[in-house]
Amino acid sequence: GAADALPAIEQRLGFPIVVKPSNQGSALGIRLAHEAREVPGALVAAFSYSHKVLLERYVDGRDLAVSVLDGEDGGGPQVLPIVEAIGHEDDRYEARYEIGRAEFVCPAELPGAVTERAQRLALDVWETLGCKGFARIDLMLDGAGGELYVLEANTIPGLTDTSLLPQAADAAGIGFDELIDRIVALAQVCQVHPAQIRR
């Protein structure tokens, strides 16, 4: 069982680790396990949302979200300004989705070279995964070494009051109504035939 795997998990990843469902959004089922005894509970939470679970080494750093929109009129993808979510360490994942629990800074206050690296990495992820329309690539900027880590690609990012894509679009001069119109127009242009969907 899970208890038998704990020594291998600790040896390979160390603690703390992030335990999360493989296919959810809005931080559903995500838990931070600071030590081995917290892993079983974190697994129960994650497995309640998906039959596949990811365990990742926790990276302490800055939580960045880079949104990408397909270009208008056949133009290349547009990488939007970076949003940084600033919350308390213990509620970093949940804080993004509850008004008042996190502060969002857009554009993120980063050195120019770091901004360029983060946007380039997000675009590389977009292209590698074959994203269409719009997506949000979540990154972590390691506070110790300045390394960028890809946390996930969200191909259906939220469009609520607290969502990061609308904030990034607004910082790029794209109002909410215009953003929605553009997303709808992109959806009409890039329809995918069912045979093209990889399972």
C-alpha atoms as a PDB file:
ATOM      1  CA  GLY A   1       0.000   0.000   0.000  1.00  0.00           C
ATOM      2  CA  ALA A   2       0.849   3.661   0.252  1.00  0.00           C
ATOM      3  CA  ALA A   3       2.735   3.172   3.522  1.00  0.00           C
ATOM      4  CA  ASP A   4       5.199   0.830   1.800  1.00  0.00           C
ATOM      5  CA  ALA A   5       5.973   3.496  -0.800  1.00  0.00           C
ATOM      6  CA  LEU A   6       6.717   6.276   1.703  1.00  0.00           C
ATOM      7  CA  PRO A   7      10.470   5.573   2.075  1.00  0.00           C
ATOM      8  CA  ALA A   8      10.920   5.616  -1.713  1.00  0.00           C
ATOM      9  CA  ILE A   9       8.896   8.828  -1.995  1.00  0.00           C
ATOM     10  CA  GLU A  10      11.004  10.490   0.684  1.00  0.00           C
ATOM     11  CA  GLN A  11      14.252   9.317  -0.917  1.00  0.00           C
ATOM     12  CA  ARG A  12      13.281  10.450  -4.411  1.00  0.00           C
ATOM     13  CA  LEU A  13      11.394  13.680  -3.712  1.00  0.00           C
ATOM     14  CA  GLY A  14      12.132  14.648  -0.131  1.00  0.00           C
ATOM     15  CA  PHE A  15       9.607  16.616   1.908  1.00  0.00           C
ATOM     16  CA  PRO A  16       7.514  18.628   1.638  1.00  0.00           C
ATOM     17  CA  ILE A  17       5.741  17.261  -1.443  1.00  0.00           C
ATOM     18  CA  VAL A  18       2.665  18.326  -3.356  1.00  0.00           C
ATOM     19  CA  VAL A  19       0.009  15.640  -3.841  1.00  0.00           C
ATOM     20  CA  LYS A  20      -2.590  16.406  -6.495  1.00  0.00           C
ATOM     21  CA  PRO A  21      -5.103  14.810  -8.859  1.00  0.00           C
ATOM     22  CA  SER A  22      -3.803  14.480 -12.403  1.00  0.00           C
ATOM     23  CA  ASN A  23      -6.758  16.165 -14.072  1.00  0.00           C
ATOM     24  CA  GLN A  24      -8.413  18.810 -11.918  1.00  0.00           C
ATOM     25  CA  GLY A  25      -8.393  22.575 -11.668  1.00  0.00           C
ATOM     26  CA  SER A  26      -9.066  25.252  -9.053  1.00  0.00           C
ATOM     27  CA  ALA A  27      -6.768  23.475  -6.584  1.00  0.00           C
ATOM     28  CA  LEU A  28      -9.325  20.704  -6.052  1.00  0.00           C
ATOM     29  CA  GLY A  29      -7.792  17.817  -4.138  1.00  0.00           C
ATOM     30  CA  ILE A  30      -4.341  19.395  -3.852  1.00  0.00           C
ATOM     31  CA  ARG A  31      -2.532  18.955  -0.552  1.00  0.00           C
ATOM     32  CA  LEU A  32       0.903  19.886   0.706  1.00  0.00           C
ATOM     33  CA  ALA A  33       2.442  17.078   2.774  1.00  0.00           C
ATOM     34  CA  HIS A  34       5.213  18.357   5.028  1.00  0.00           C
ATOM     35  CA  GLU A  35       6.142  14.893   6.276  1.00  0.00           C
ATOM     36  CA  ALA A  36       5.465  11.216   5.594  1.00  0.00           C
ATOM     37  CA  ARG A  37       2.562  10.913   8.051  1.00  0.00           C
ATOM     38  CA  GLU A  38       0.587  13.520   6.036  1.00  0.00           C
ATOM     39  CA  VAL A  39       0.851  11.632   2.728  1.00  0.00           C
ATOM     40  CA  PRO A  40      -1.992   9.100   3.272  1.00  0.00           C
ATOM     41  CA  GLY A  41      -4.524  11.867   3.989  1.00  0.00           C
ATOM     42  CA  ALA A  42      -3.261  13.854   1.009  1.00  0.00           C
ATOM     43  CA  LEU A  43      -3.650  10.780  -1.209  1.00  0.00           C
ATOM     44  CA  VAL A  44      -7.230  10.265  -0.031  1.00  0.00           C
ATOM     45  CA  ALA A  45      -8.023  13.892  -0.902  1.00  0.00           C
ATOM     46  CA  ALA A  46      -6.413  13.613  -4.348  1.00  0.00           C
ATOM     47  CA  PHE A  47      -7.947  10.229  -5.189  1.00  0.00           C
ATOM     48  CA  SER A  48     -11.383  11.618  -4.371  1.00  0.00           C
ATOM     49  CA  TYR A  49     -11.039  13.736  -7.534  1.00  0.00           C
ATOM     50  CA  SER A  50      -9.145  11.449  -9.916  1.00  0.00           C
ATOM     51  CA  HIS A  51      -8.033   7.856 -10.316  1.00  0.00           C
ATOM     52  CA  LYS A  52      -4.512   9.112 -11.103  1.00  0.00           C
ATOM     53  CA  VAL A  53      -2.475  11.184  -8.671  1.00  0.00           C
ATOM     54  CA  LEU A  54       0.762  13.140  -9.056  1.00  0.00           C
ATOM     55  CA  LEU A  55       3.384  13.575  -6.361  1.00  0.00           C
ATOM     56  CA  GLU A  56       5.762  16.457  -6.952  1.00  0.00           C
ATOM     57  CA  ARG A  57       8.701  17.915  -5.107  1.00  0.00           C
ATOM     58  CA  TYR A  58       7.580  21.142  -3.484  1.00  0.00           C
ATOM     59  CA  VAL A  59       9.354  24.200  -4.849  1.00  0.00           C
ATOM     60  CA  ASP A  60       9.421  27.203  -2.544  1.00  0.00           C
ATOM     61  CA  GLY A  61       9.240  30.317  -4.635  1.00  0.00           C
ATOM     62  CA  ARG A  62       7.046  32.726  -6.530  1.00  0.00           C
ATOM     63  CA  ASP A  63       3.766  31.488  -7.998  1.00  0.00           C
ATOM     64  CA  LEU A  64       3.459  32.765 -11.582  1.00  0.00           C
ATOM     65  CA  ALA A  65       0.680  32.368 -14.141  1.00  0.00           C
ATOM     66  CA  VAL A  66       1.368  33.001 -17.812  1.00  0.00           C
ATOM     67  CA  SER A  67      -1.683  33.110 -20.080  1.00  0.00           C
ATOM     68  CA  VAL A  68      -1.464  32.607 -23.830  1.00  0.00           C
ATOM     69  CA  LEU A  69      -4.074  33.491 -26.454  1.00  0.00           C
ATOM     70  CA  ASP A  70      -4.076  32.434 -30.079  1.00  0.00           C
ATOM     71  CA  GLY A  71      -3.455  35.433 -32.283  1.00  0.00           C
ATOM     72  CA  GLU A  72      -6.222  37.218 -34.106  1.00  0.00           C
ATOM     73  CA  ASP A  73      -6.602  36.810 -37.870  1.00  0.00           C
ATOM     74  CA  GLY A  74      -4.205  33.869 -38.030  1.00  0.00           C
ATOM     75  CA  GLY A  75      -1.434  35.618 -36.115  1.00  0.00           C
ATOM     76  CA  GLY A  76       0.854  33.721 -33.770  1.00  0.00           C
ATOM     77  CA  PRO A  77       0.027  33.170 -30.113  1.00  0.00           C
ATOM     78  CA  GLN A  78       0.066  36.199 -27.825  1.00  0.00           C
ATOM     79  CA  VAL A  79       1.730  35.766 -24.442  1.00  0.00           C
ATOM     80  CA  LEU A  80      -0.011  37.998 -21.908  1.00  0.00           C
ATOM     81  CA  PRO A  81       1.561  39.806 -18.943  1.00  0.00           C
ATOM     82  CA  ILE A  82       2.490  37.529 -16.048  1.00  0.00           C
ATOM     83  CA  VAL A  83       0.281  37.381 -12.961  1.00  0.00           C
ATOM     84  CA  GLU A  84       1.882  36.602  -9.611  1.00  0.00           C
ATOM     85  CA  ALA A  85      -0.296  35.126  -6.863  1.00  0.00           C
ATOM     86  CA  ILE A  86       0.958  36.136  -3.438  1.00  0.00           C
ATOM     87  CA  GLY A  87      -0.536  34.204  -0.536  1.00  0.00           C
ATOM     88  CA  HIS A  88       0.500  32.586   2.689  1.00  0.00           C
ATOM     89  CA  GLU A  89       2.531  29.397   2.215  1.00  0.00           C
ATOM     90  CA  ASP A  90      -0.075  27.234   3.949  1.00  0.00           C
ATOM     91  CA  ASP A  91      -2.927  28.298   1.677  1.00  0.00           C
ATOM     92  CA  ARG A  92      -1.089  29.150  -1.543  1.00  0.00           C
ATOM     93  CA  TYR A  93      -3.112  26.698  -3.652  1.00  0.00           C
ATOM     94  CA  GLU A  94      -6.531  27.501  -2.265  1.00  0.00           C
ATOM     95  CA  ALA A  95      -5.858  31.234  -1.979  1.00  0.00           C
ATOM     96  CA  ARG A  96      -6.061  31.829  -5.719  1.00  0.00           C
ATOM     97  CA  TYR A  97      -9.738  30.939  -5.778  1.00  0.00           C
ATOM     98  CA  GLU A  98     -11.163  32.795  -2.793  1.00  0.00           C
ATOM     99  CA  ILE A  99     -11.536  36.554  -2.909  1.00  0.00           C
ATOM    100  CA  GLY A 100      -9.326  38.212  -0.326  1.00  0.00           C
ATOM    101  CA  ARG A 101      -7.058  35.225   0.412  1.00  0.00           C
ATOM    102  CA  ALA A 102      -4.378  36.153  -2.101  1.00  0.00           C
ATOM    103  CA  GLU A 103      -3.026  39.262  -3.666  1.00  0.00           C
ATOM    104  CA  PHE A 104      -2.516  39.260  -7.423  1.00  0.00           C
ATOM    105  CA  VAL A 105       0.104  41.436  -9.049  1.00  0.00           C
ATOM    106  CA  CYS A 106      -0.118  41.980 -12.792  1.00  0.00           C
ATOM    107  CA  PRO A 107       2.201  42.478 -14.414  1.00  0.00           C
ATOM    108  CA  ALA A 108       4.365  40.594 -11.942  1.00  0.00           C
ATOM    109  CA  GLU A 109       7.263  42.604 -10.579  1.00  0.00           C
ATOM    110  CA  LEU A 110      10.112  40.590 -12.079  1.00  0.00           C
ATOM    111  CA  PRO A 111      13.426  41.476 -13.706  1.00  0.00           C
ATOM    112  CA  GLY A 112      13.066  41.774 -17.475  1.00  0.00           C
ATOM    113  CA  ALA A 113      15.209  38.697 -18.138  1.00  0.00           C
ATOM    114  CA  VAL A 114      13.081  36.553 -15.807  1.00  0.00           C
ATOM    115  CA  THR A 115       9.874  37.814 -17.440  1.00  0.00           C
ATOM    116  CA  GLU A 116      11.252  36.889 -20.865  1.00  0.00           C
ATOM    117  CA  ARG A 117      12.323  33.419 -19.676  1.00  0.00           C
ATOM    118  CA  ALA A 118       8.944  32.744 -18.069  1.00  0.00           C
ATOM    119  CA  GLN A 119       7.000  33.883 -21.129  1.00  0.00           C
ATOM    120  CA  ARG A 120       9.269  31.865 -23.442  1.00  0.00           C
ATOM    121  CA  LEU A 121       8.845  28.766 -21.270  1.00  0.00           C
ATOM    122  CA  ALA A 122       5.059  29.183 -21.262  1.00  0.00           C
ATOM    123  CA  LEU A 123       5.059  29.531 -25.046  1.00  0.00           C
ATOM    124  CA  ASP A 124       7.243  26.413 -25.362  1.00  0.00           C
ATOM    125  CA  VAL A 125       4.761  24.475 -23.199  1.00  0.00           C
ATOM    126  CA  TRP A 126       1.858  25.841 -25.288  1.00  0.00           C
ATOM    127  CA  GLU A 127       3.513  24.709 -28.521  1.00  0.00           C
ATOM    128  CA  THR A 128       4.692  21.335 -27.174  1.00  0.00           C
ATOM    129  CA  LEU A 129       1.207  20.438 -25.956  1.00  0.00           C
ATOM    130  CA  GLY A 130      -0.455  21.735 -29.129  1.00  0.00           C
ATOM    131  CA  CYS A 131      -2.680  24.170 -27.250  1.00  0.00           C
ATOM    132  CA  LYS A 132      -5.325  26.073 -29.192  1.00  0.00           C
ATOM    133  CA  GLY A 133      -7.450  29.087 -28.355  1.00  0.00           C
ATOM    134  CA  PHE A 134      -6.254  29.964 -24.866  1.00  0.00           C
ATOM    135  CA  ALA A 135      -4.460  28.409 -21.924  1.00  0.00           C
ATOM    136  CA  ARG A 136      -2.751  29.342 -18.695  1.00  0.00           C
ATOM    137  CA  ILE A 137       0.650  27.911 -17.858  1.00  0.00           C
ATOM    138  CA  ASP A 138       1.430  27.901 -14.137  1.00  0.00           C
ATOM    139  CA  LEU A 139       5.076  28.214 -13.174  1.00  0.00           C
ATOM    140  CA  MET A 140       7.062  28.381  -9.976  1.00  0.00           C
ATOM    141  CA  LEU A 141      10.131  30.596  -9.795  1.00  0.00           C
ATOM    142  CA  ASP A 142      12.500  28.921  -7.341  1.00  0.00           C
ATOM    143  CA  GLY A 143      13.353  31.428  -4.642  1.00  0.00           C
ATOM    144  CA  ALA A 144      16.798  29.925  -4.072  1.00  0.00           C
ATOM    145  CA  GLY A 145      18.243  29.417  -7.539  1.00  0.00           C
ATOM    146  CA  GLY A 146      15.961  31.346  -9.861  1.00  0.00           C
ATOM    147  CA  GLU A 147      15.027  28.202 -11.796  1.00  0.00           C
ATOM    148  CA  LEU A 148      11.586  28.099 -13.437  1.00  0.00           C
ATOM    149  CA  TYR A 149       9.450  24.986 -12.994  1.00  0.00           C
ATOM    150  CA  VAL A 150       6.287  24.132 -14.916  1.00  0.00           C
ATOM    151  CA  LEU A 151       3.532  23.229 -12.468  1.00  0.00           C
ATOM    152  CA  GLU A 152       0.769  22.619 -14.990  1.00  0.00           C
ATOM    153  CA  ALA A 153      -0.924  23.710 -18.166  1.00  0.00           C
ATOM    154  CA  ASN A 154      -4.547  24.684 -17.658  1.00  0.00           C
ATOM    155  CA  THR A 155      -6.275  24.420 -21.028  1.00  0.00           C
ATOM    156  CA  ILE A 156      -9.596  25.643 -19.654  1.00  0.00           C
ATOM    157  CA  PRO A 157      -8.603  28.377 -17.205  1.00  0.00           C
ATOM    158  CA  GLY A 158     -11.250  30.111 -15.152  1.00  0.00           C
ATOM    159  CA  LEU A 159     -13.087  33.204 -16.296  1.00  0.00           C
ATOM    160  CA  THR A 160     -14.417  34.421 -12.934  1.00  0.00           C
ATOM    161  CA  ASP A 161     -13.862  37.567 -10.883  1.00  0.00           C
ATOM    162  CA  THR A 162     -10.777  36.024  -9.305  1.00  0.00           C
ATOM    163  CA  SER A 163      -9.443  34.305 -12.430  1.00  0.00           C
ATOM    164  CA  LEU A 164      -5.985  35.085 -13.679  1.00  0.00           C
ATOM    165  CA  LEU A 165      -6.536  35.047 -17.460  1.00  0.00           C
ATOM    166  CA  PRO A 166      -8.922  38.039 -17.386  1.00  0.00           C
ATOM    167  CA  GLN A 167      -6.454  39.917 -15.165  1.00  0.00           C
ATOM    168  CA  ALA A 168      -3.619  39.257 -17.607  1.00  0.00           C
ATOM    169  CA  ALA A 169      -5.783  40.218 -20.576  1.00  0.00           C
ATOM    170  CA  ASP A 170      -6.784  43.457 -18.864  1.00  0.00           C
ATOM    171  CA  ALA A 171      -3.116  44.302 -18.286  1.00  0.00           C
ATOM    172  CA  ALA A 172      -2.573  43.749 -22.025  1.00  0.00           C
ATOM    173  CA  GLY A 173      -5.393  46.169 -22.860  1.00  0.00           C
ATOM    174  CA  ILE A 174      -7.969  43.471 -23.613  1.00  0.00           C
ATOM    175  CA  GLY A 175     -11.186  44.142 -21.689  1.00  0.00           C
ATOM    176  CA  PHE A 176     -13.341  41.302 -20.374  1.00  0.00           C
ATOM    177  CA  ASP A 177     -16.025  41.557 -23.085  1.00  0.00           C
ATOM    178  CA  GLU A 178     -13.367  41.683 -25.794  1.00  0.00           C
ATOM    179  CA  LEU A 179     -11.619  38.681 -24.240  1.00  0.00           C
ATOM    180  CA  ILE A 180     -14.811  36.612 -24.278  1.00  0.00           C
ATOM    181  CA  ASP A 181     -15.570  37.661 -27.871  1.00  0.00           C
ATOM    182  CA  ARG A 182     -12.062  36.661 -28.873  1.00  0.00           C
ATOM    183  CA  ILE A 183     -12.279  33.279 -27.136  1.00  0.00           C
ATOM    184  CA  VAL A 184     -15.600  32.537 -28.858  1.00  0.00           C
ATOM    185  CA  ALA A 185     -14.179  33.589 -32.233  1.00  0.00           C
ATOM    186  CA  LEU A 186     -11.108  31.393 -31.689  1.00  0.00           C
ATOM    187  CA  ALA A 187     -13.326  28.436 -30.774  1.00  0.00           C
ATOM    188  CA  GLN A 188     -15.242  28.830 -34.025  1.00  0.00           C
ATOM    189  CA  VAL A 189     -12.025  28.902 -36.045  1.00  0.00           C
ATOM    190  CA  CYS A 190     -10.134  26.034 -34.427  1.00  0.00           C
ATOM    191  CA  GLN A 191     -12.724  23.311 -34.182  1.00  0.00           C
ATOM    192  CA  VAL A 192     -11.110  19.910 -33.805  1.00  0.00           C
ATOM    193  CA  HIS A 193     -12.393  16.795 -35.532  1.00  0.00           C
ATOM    194  CA  PRO A 194     -13.052  13.986 -32.999  1.00  0.00           C
ATOM    195  CA  ALA A 195     -10.523  11.761 -34.795  1.00  0.00           C
ATOM    196  CA  GLN A 196      -7.784  14.288 -33.920  1.00  0.00           C
ATOM    197  CA  ILE A 197      -8.322  13.971 -30.175  1.00  0.00           C
ATOM    198  CA  ARG A 198      -5.629  11.884 -28.480  1.00  0.00           C
ATOM    199  CA  ARG A 199      -6.818   9.770 -25.576  1.00  0.00           C
END
